[in-house]
Amino acid sequence: MNNLRNVPVGSTAKVVKIHGEGAVKRRIMDMGITKGVEIYVRKVAPLGDPIEITVRGYELSLRKADAESIEVE
């Protein structure tokens, strides 16, 4: 499985599925990250956490743990 955490900086990926359940999955979906949306990885903090992305025209920061639950292609 390829997840958002493994996408290199400067690349775009398309969301295939969001793993996890309950509040975490709901929060990710509320941020606009849904199946089929394209995500551009802007930068990654020096220690790898958080990851800064652009989705639906706005910038967002995600924790590594949340990024791992987002399957991309």
PDB file of N, CA and C in Angstrom:
ATOM      1  N   MET A   1       0.835  -1.189   0.000  1.00  0.00           N
ATOM      2  CA  MET A   1       0.000   0.000   0.000  1.00  0.00           C
ATOM      3  C   MET A   1       0.881   1.254   0.000  1.00  0.00           C
ATOM      4  N   ASN A   2       0.576   2.168  -0.884  1.00  0.00           N
ATOM      5  CA  ASN A   2       1.296   3.432  -0.933  1.00  0.00           C
ATOM      6  C   ASN A   2       0.477   4.476  -0.183  1.00  0.00           C
ATOM      7  N   ASN A   3       1.091   5.118   0.809  1.00  0.00           N
ATOM      8  CA  ASN A   3       0.340   6.119   1.562  1.00  0.00           C
ATOM      9  C   ASN A   3       0.927   7.513   1.380  1.00  0.00           C
ATOM     10  N   LEU A   4       0.212   8.512   1.829  1.00  0.00           N
ATOM     11  CA  LEU A   4       0.600   9.905   1.629  1.00  0.00           C
ATOM     12  C   LEU A   4       1.955  10.230   2.245  1.00  0.00           C
ATOM     13  N   ARG A   5       2.313   9.552   3.289  1.00  0.00           N
ATOM     14  CA  ARG A   5       3.602   9.813   3.951  1.00  0.00           C
ATOM     15  C   ARG A   5       4.780   9.497   3.026  1.00  0.00           C
ATOM     16  N   ASN A   6       4.604   8.553   2.102  1.00  0.00           N
ATOM     17  CA  ASN A   6       5.690   8.135   1.209  1.00  0.00           C
ATOM     18  C   ASN A   6       5.794   8.962  -0.069  1.00  0.00           C
ATOM     19  N   VAL A   7       4.885   9.899  -0.277  1.00  0.00           N
ATOM     20  CA  VAL A   7       4.912  10.726  -1.485  1.00  0.00           C
ATOM     21  C   VAL A   7       6.023  11.767  -1.346  1.00  0.00           C
ATOM     22  N   PRO A   8       6.916  11.870  -2.340  1.00  0.00           N
ATOM     23  CA  PRO A   8       8.013  12.835  -2.228  1.00  0.00           C
ATOM     24  C   PRO A   8       7.537  14.287  -2.324  1.00  0.00           C
ATOM     25  N   VAL A   9       8.309  15.186  -1.737  1.00  0.00           N
ATOM     26  CA  VAL A   9       7.991  16.619  -1.762  1.00  0.00           C
ATOM     27  C   VAL A   9       7.975  17.091  -3.212  1.00  0.00           C
ATOM     28  N   GLY A  10       6.973  17.906  -3.548  1.00  0.00           N
ATOM     29  CA  GLY A  10       6.859  18.430  -4.910  1.00  0.00           C
ATOM     30  C   GLY A  10       6.043  17.546  -5.832  1.00  0.00           C
ATOM     31  N   SER A  11       5.500  16.453  -5.311  1.00  0.00           N
ATOM     32  CA  SER A  11       4.710  15.528  -6.128  1.00  0.00           C
ATOM     33  C   SER A  11       3.227  15.643  -5.803  1.00  0.00           C
ATOM     34  N   THR A  12       2.421  15.176  -6.741  1.00  0.00           N
ATOM     35  CA  THR A  12       0.975  15.156  -6.561  1.00  0.00           C
ATOM     36  C   THR A  12       0.518  13.706  -6.512  1.00  0.00           C
ATOM     37  N   ALA A  13      -0.440  13.428  -5.656  1.00  0.00           N
ATOM     38  CA  ALA A  13      -0.982  12.073  -5.533  1.00  0.00           C
ATOM     39  C   ALA A  13      -2.503  12.154  -5.461  1.00  0.00           C
ATOM     40  N   LYS A  14      -3.152  11.076  -5.896  1.00  0.00           N
ATOM     41  CA  LYS A  14      -4.617  11.016  -5.886  1.00  0.00           C
ATOM     42  C   LYS A  14      -5.058  10.062  -4.778  1.00  0.00           C
ATOM     43  N   VAL A  15      -6.018  10.488  -3.968  1.00  0.00           N
ATOM     44  CA  VAL A  15      -6.496   9.679  -2.846  1.00  0.00           C
ATOM     45  C   VAL A  15      -7.317   8.495  -3.370  1.00  0.00           C
ATOM     46  N   VAL A  16      -6.960   7.294  -2.910  1.00  0.00           N
ATOM     47  CA  VAL A  16      -7.680   6.083  -3.278  1.00  0.00           C
ATOM     48  C   VAL A  16      -8.649   5.696  -2.166  1.00  0.00           C
ATOM     49  N   LYS A  17      -8.149   5.753  -0.911  1.00  0.00           N
ATOM     50  CA  LYS A  17      -8.962   5.324   0.229  1.00  0.00           C
ATOM     51  C   LYS A  17      -8.405   5.926   1.507  1.00  0.00           C
ATOM     52  N   ILE A  18      -9.298   6.156   2.458  1.00  0.00           N
ATOM     53  CA  ILE A  18      -8.878   6.624   3.778  1.00  0.00           C
ATOM     54  C   ILE A  18      -9.114   5.479   4.756  1.00  0.00           C
ATOM     55  N   HIS A  19      -8.028   5.017   5.374  1.00  0.00           N
ATOM     56  CA  HIS A  19      -8.132   3.930   6.347  1.00  0.00           C
ATOM     57  C   HIS A  19      -8.402   4.517   7.730  1.00  0.00           C
ATOM     58  N   GLY A  20      -8.725   3.665   8.653  1.00  0.00           N
ATOM     59  CA  GLY A  20      -9.032   4.134  10.002  1.00  0.00           C
ATOM     60  C   GLY A  20     -10.536   4.270  10.147  1.00  0.00           C
ATOM     61  N   GLU A  21     -10.951   4.644  11.346  1.00  0.00           N
ATOM     62  CA  GLU A  21     -12.384   4.764  11.564  1.00  0.00           C
ATOM     63  C   GLU A  21     -12.700   5.793  12.626  1.00  0.00           C
ATOM     64  N   GLY A  22     -13.962   6.090  12.755  1.00  0.00           N
ATOM     65  CA  GLY A  22     -14.427   6.990  13.800  1.00  0.00           C
ATOM     66  C   GLY A  22     -13.993   8.421  13.599  1.00  0.00           C
ATOM     67  N   ALA A  23     -13.628   9.066  14.691  1.00  0.00           N
ATOM     68  CA  ALA A  23     -13.327  10.499  14.710  1.00  0.00           C
ATOM     69  C   ALA A  23     -12.149  10.872  13.816  1.00  0.00           C
ATOM     70  N   VAL A  24     -11.133  10.025  13.756  1.00  0.00           N
ATOM     71  CA  VAL A  24      -9.945  10.336  12.949  1.00  0.00           C
ATOM     72  C   VAL A  24     -10.314  10.400  11.466  1.00  0.00           C
ATOM     73  N   LYS A  25     -11.007   9.391  10.984  1.00  0.00           N
ATOM     74  CA  LYS A  25     -11.415   9.361   9.580  1.00  0.00           C
ATOM     75  C   LYS A  25     -12.354  10.533   9.267  1.00  0.00           C
ATOM     76  N   ARG A  26     -13.272  10.812  10.157  1.00  0.00           N
ATOM     77  CA  ARG A  26     -14.220  11.910   9.967  1.00  0.00           C
ATOM     78  C   ARG A  26     -13.485  13.251   9.881  1.00  0.00           C
ATOM     79  N   ARG A  27     -12.483  13.450  10.756  1.00  0.00           N
ATOM     80  CA  ARG A  27     -11.720  14.699  10.771  1.00  0.00           C
ATOM     81  C   ARG A  27     -10.948  14.884   9.468  1.00  0.00           C
ATOM     82  N   ILE A  28     -10.337  13.814   8.973  1.00  0.00           N
ATOM     83  CA  ILE A  28      -9.606  13.877   7.700  1.00  0.00           C
ATOM     84  C   ILE A  28     -10.561  14.234   6.557  1.00  0.00           C
ATOM     85  N   MET A  29     -11.729  13.621   6.542  1.00  0.00           N
ATOM     86  CA  MET A  29     -12.703  13.901   5.489  1.00  0.00           C
ATOM     87  C   MET A  29     -13.248  15.325   5.613  1.00  0.00           C
ATOM     88  N   ASP A  30     -13.413  15.818   6.820  1.00  0.00           N
ATOM     89  CA  ASP A  30     -13.886  17.191   7.033  1.00  0.00           C
ATOM     90  C   ASP A  30     -12.882  18.222   6.520  1.00  0.00           C
ATOM     91  N   MET A  31     -11.603  17.850   6.451  1.00  0.00           N
ATOM     92  CA  MET A  31     -10.575  18.751   5.927  1.00  0.00           C
ATOM     93  C   MET A  31     -10.592  18.804   4.408  1.00  0.00           C
ATOM     94  N   GLY A  32     -11.450  18.017   3.772  1.00  0.00           N
ATOM     95  CA  GLY A  32     -11.543  18.026   2.312  1.00  0.00           C
ATOM     96  C   GLY A  32     -10.778  16.915   1.640  1.00  0.00           C
ATOM     97  N   ILE A  33     -10.199  16.017   2.430  1.00  0.00           N
ATOM     98  CA  ILE A  33      -9.455  14.901   1.856  1.00  0.00           C
ATOM     99  C   ILE A  33     -10.423  13.729   1.698  1.00  0.00           C
ATOM    100  N   THR A  34     -10.886  13.547   0.467  1.00  0.00           N
ATOM    101  CA  THR A  34     -11.841  12.481   0.165  1.00  0.00           C
ATOM    102  C   THR A  34     -11.346  11.679  -1.036  1.00  0.00           C
ATOM    103  N   LYS A  35     -11.976  10.561  -1.304  1.00  0.00           N
ATOM    104  CA  LYS A  35     -11.587   9.689  -2.410  1.00  0.00           C
ATOM    105  C   LYS A  35     -11.622  10.458  -3.728  1.00  0.00           C
ATOM    106  N   GLY A  36     -10.543  10.332  -4.500  1.00  0.00           N
ATOM    107  CA  GLY A  36     -10.476  10.953  -5.809  1.00  0.00           C
ATOM    108  C   GLY A  36      -9.851  12.338  -5.848  1.00  0.00           C
ATOM    109  N   VAL A  37      -9.661  12.980  -4.702  1.00  0.00           N
ATOM    110  CA  VAL A  37      -9.099  14.333  -4.678  1.00  0.00           C
ATOM    111  C   VAL A  37      -7.572  14.266  -4.844  1.00  0.00           C
ATOM    112  N   GLU A  38      -7.009  15.285  -5.502  1.00  0.00           N
ATOM    113  CA  GLU A  38      -5.564  15.337  -5.698  1.00  0.00           C
ATOM    114  C   GLU A  38      -4.917  16.143  -4.587  1.00  0.00           C
ATOM    115  N   ILE A  39      -3.792  15.631  -4.096  1.00  0.00           N
ATOM    116  CA  ILE A  39      -3.053  16.278  -3.010  1.00  0.00           C
ATOM    117  C   ILE A  39      -1.635  16.558  -3.489  1.00  0.00           C
ATOM    118  N   TYR A  40      -1.195  17.801  -3.294  1.00  0.00           N
ATOM    119  CA  TYR A  40       0.169  18.195  -3.645  1.00  0.00           C
ATOM    120  C   TYR A  40       0.969  18.303  -2.348  1.00  0.00           C
ATOM    121  N   VAL A  41       2.097  17.593  -2.268  1.00  0.00           N
ATOM    122  CA  VAL A  41       2.943  17.627  -1.067  1.00  0.00           C
ATOM    123  C   VAL A  41       3.906  18.806  -1.199  1.00  0.00           C
ATOM    124  N   ARG A  42       3.709  19.844  -0.375  1.00  0.00           N
ATOM    125  CA  ARG A  42       4.507  21.067  -0.433  1.00  0.00           C
ATOM    126  C   ARG A  42       5.859  20.918   0.261  1.00  0.00           C
ATOM    127  N   LYS A  43       5.824  20.468   1.509  1.00  0.00           N
ATOM    128  CA  LYS A  43       7.075  20.274   2.236  1.00  0.00           C
ATOM    129  C   LYS A  43       6.860  19.378   3.444  1.00  0.00           C
ATOM    130  N   VAL A  44       7.980  18.889   3.960  1.00  0.00           N
ATOM    131  CA  VAL A  44       7.961  18.021   5.139  1.00  0.00           C
ATOM    132  C   VAL A  44       8.896  18.648   6.159  1.00  0.00           C
ATOM    133  N   ALA A  45       8.453  18.730   7.399  1.00  0.00           N
ATOM    134  CA  ALA A  45       9.272  19.307   8.462  1.00  0.00           C
ATOM    135  C   ALA A  45      10.576  18.518   8.623  1.00  0.00           C
ATOM    136  N   PRO A  46      11.623  19.151   9.159  1.00  0.00           N
ATOM    137  CA  PRO A  46      12.938  18.494   9.291  1.00  0.00           C
ATOM    138  C   PRO A  46      12.899  17.115   9.951  1.00  0.00           C
ATOM    139  N   LEU A  47      12.062  16.928  10.944  1.00  0.00           N
ATOM    140  CA  LEU A  47      11.991  15.624  11.605  1.00  0.00           C
ATOM    141  C   LEU A  47      10.883  14.753  11.010  1.00  0.00           C
ATOM    142  N   GLY A  48      10.293  15.197   9.910  1.00  0.00           N
ATOM    143  CA  GLY A  48       9.281  14.396   9.226  1.00  0.00           C
ATOM    144  C   GLY A  48       7.855  14.622   9.700  1.00  0.00           C
ATOM    145  N   ASP A  49       7.665  15.454  10.685  1.00  0.00           N
ATOM    146  CA  ASP A  49       6.324  15.664  11.222  1.00  0.00           C
ATOM    147  C   ASP A  49       6.138  17.142  11.544  1.00  0.00           C
ATOM    148  N   PRO A  50       5.203  17.863  11.013  1.00  0.00           N
ATOM    149  CA  PRO A  50       4.118  17.440  10.122  1.00  0.00           C
ATOM    150  C   PRO A  50       4.494  17.544   8.641  1.00  0.00           C
ATOM    151  N   ILE A  51       3.544  17.131   7.816  1.00  0.00           N
ATOM    152  CA  ILE A  51       3.675  17.212   6.365  1.00  0.00           C
ATOM    153  C   ILE A  51       2.743  18.332   5.901  1.00  0.00           C
ATOM    154  N   GLU A  52       3.259  19.239   5.093  1.00  0.00           N
ATOM    155  CA  GLU A  52       2.434  20.342   4.588  1.00  0.00           C
ATOM    156  C   GLU A  52       1.962  20.009   3.177  1.00  0.00           C
ATOM    157  N   ILE A  53       0.645  20.060   2.971  1.00  0.00           N
ATOM    158  CA  ILE A  53       0.062  19.703   1.681  1.00  0.00           C
ATOM    159  C   ILE A  53      -0.865  20.812   1.179  1.00  0.00           C
ATOM    160  N   THR A  54      -1.185  20.744  -0.106  1.00  0.00           N
ATOM    161  CA  THR A  54      -2.204  21.615  -0.683  1.00  0.00           C
ATOM    162  C   THR A  54      -3.310  20.703  -1.203  1.00  0.00           C
ATOM    163  N   VAL A  55      -4.535  20.955  -0.753  1.00  0.00           N
ATOM    164  CA  VAL A  55      -5.693  20.159  -1.175  1.00  0.00           C
ATOM    165  C   VAL A  55      -6.870  21.102  -1.394  1.00  0.00           C
ATOM    166  N   ARG A  56      -7.530  20.950  -2.531  1.00  0.00           N
ATOM    167  CA  ARG A  56      -8.690  21.790  -2.891  1.00  0.00           C
ATOM    168  C   ARG A  56      -8.392  23.285  -2.794  1.00  0.00           C
ATOM    169  N   GLY A  57      -7.147  23.673  -3.126  1.00  0.00           N
ATOM    170  CA  GLY A  57      -6.793  25.082  -3.168  1.00  0.00           C
ATOM    171  C   GLY A  57      -6.387  25.706  -1.848  1.00  0.00           C
ATOM    172  N   TYR A  58      -6.293  24.930  -0.790  1.00  0.00           N
ATOM    173  CA  TYR A  58      -5.811  25.504   0.477  1.00  0.00           C
ATOM    174  C   TYR A  58      -4.718  24.650   1.082  1.00  0.00           C
ATOM    175  N   GLU A  59      -3.925  25.272   1.942  1.00  0.00           N
ATOM    176  CA  GLU A  59      -2.794  24.588   2.564  1.00  0.00           C
ATOM    177  C   GLU A  59      -3.203  23.964   3.883  1.00  0.00           C
ATOM    178  N   LEU A  60      -2.597  22.831   4.161  1.00  0.00           N
ATOM    179  CA  LEU A  60      -2.978  22.043   5.320  1.00  0.00           C
ATOM    180  C   LEU A  60      -1.751  21.327   5.850  1.00  0.00           C
ATOM    181  N   SER A  61      -1.665  21.151   7.152  1.00  0.00           N
ATOM    182  CA  SER A  61      -0.588  20.367   7.757  1.00  0.00           C
ATOM    183  C   SER A  61      -1.187  19.125   8.385  1.00  0.00           C
ATOM    184  N   LEU A  62      -0.537  17.991   8.122  1.00  0.00           N
ATOM    185  CA  LEU A  62      -0.998  16.700   8.646  1.00  0.00           C
ATOM    186  C   LEU A  62       0.104  16.038   9.455  1.00  0.00           C
ATOM    187  N   ARG A  63      -0.280  15.350  10.501  1.00  0.00           N
ATOM    188  CA  ARG A  63       0.684  14.546  11.250  1.00  0.00           C
ATOM    189  C   ARG A  63       1.031  13.306  10.435  1.00  0.00           C
ATOM    190  N   LYS A  64       2.211  12.747  10.713  1.00  0.00           N
ATOM    191  CA  LYS A  64       2.644  11.530  10.010  1.00  0.00           C
ATOM    192  C   LYS A  64       1.627  10.408  10.168  1.00  0.00           C
ATOM    193  N   ALA A  65       1.114  10.237  11.370  1.00  0.00           N
ATOM    194  CA  ALA A  65       0.161   9.154  11.640  1.00  0.00           C
ATOM    195  C   ALA A  65      -1.096   9.306  10.785  1.00  0.00           C
ATOM    196  N   ASP A  66      -1.571  10.540  10.606  1.00  0.00           N
ATOM    197  CA  ASP A  66      -2.747  10.771   9.765  1.00  0.00           C
ATOM    198  C   ASP A  66      -2.407  10.534   8.294  1.00  0.00           C
ATOM    199  N   ALA A  67      -1.223  10.974   7.872  1.00  0.00           N
ATOM    200  CA  ALA A  67      -0.804  10.795   6.479  1.00  0.00           C
ATOM    201  C   ALA A  67      -0.677   9.313   6.128  1.00  0.00           C
ATOM    202  N   GLU A  68      -0.293   8.485   7.084  1.00  0.00           N
ATOM    203  CA  GLU A  68      -0.150   7.044   6.835  1.00  0.00           C
ATOM    204  C   GLU A  68      -1.488   6.384   6.602  1.00  0.00           C
ATOM    205  N   SER A  69      -2.569   6.979   7.097  1.00  0.00           N
ATOM    206  CA  SER A  69      -3.892   6.363   6.932  1.00  0.00           C
ATOM    207  C   SER A  69      -4.560   6.747   5.607  1.00  0.00           C
ATOM    208  N   ILE A  70      -3.877   7.590   4.800  1.00  0.00           N
ATOM    209  CA  ILE A  70      -4.429   8.014   3.521  1.00  0.00           C
ATOM    210  C   ILE A  70      -3.719   7.263   2.398  1.00  0.00           C
ATOM    211  N   GLU A  71      -4.438   6.344   1.754  1.00  0.00           N
ATOM    212  CA  GLU A  71      -3.871   5.560   0.652  1.00  0.00           C
ATOM    213  C   GLU A  71      -3.965   6.357  -0.636  1.00  0.00           C
ATOM    214  N   VAL A  72      -2.841   6.435  -1.373  1.00  0.00           N
ATOM    215  CA  VAL A  72      -2.806   7.219  -2.611  1.00  0.00           C
ATOM    216  C   VAL A  72      -2.254   6.386  -3.770  1.00  0.00           C
ATOM    217  N   GLU A  73      -2.437   6.928  -4.977  1.00  0.00           N
ATOM    218  CA  GLU A  73      -1.833   6.300  -6.167  1.00  0.00           C
ATOM    219  C   GLU A  73      -1.069   7.324  -6.956  1.00  0.00           C
TER     220      GLU A  73
END
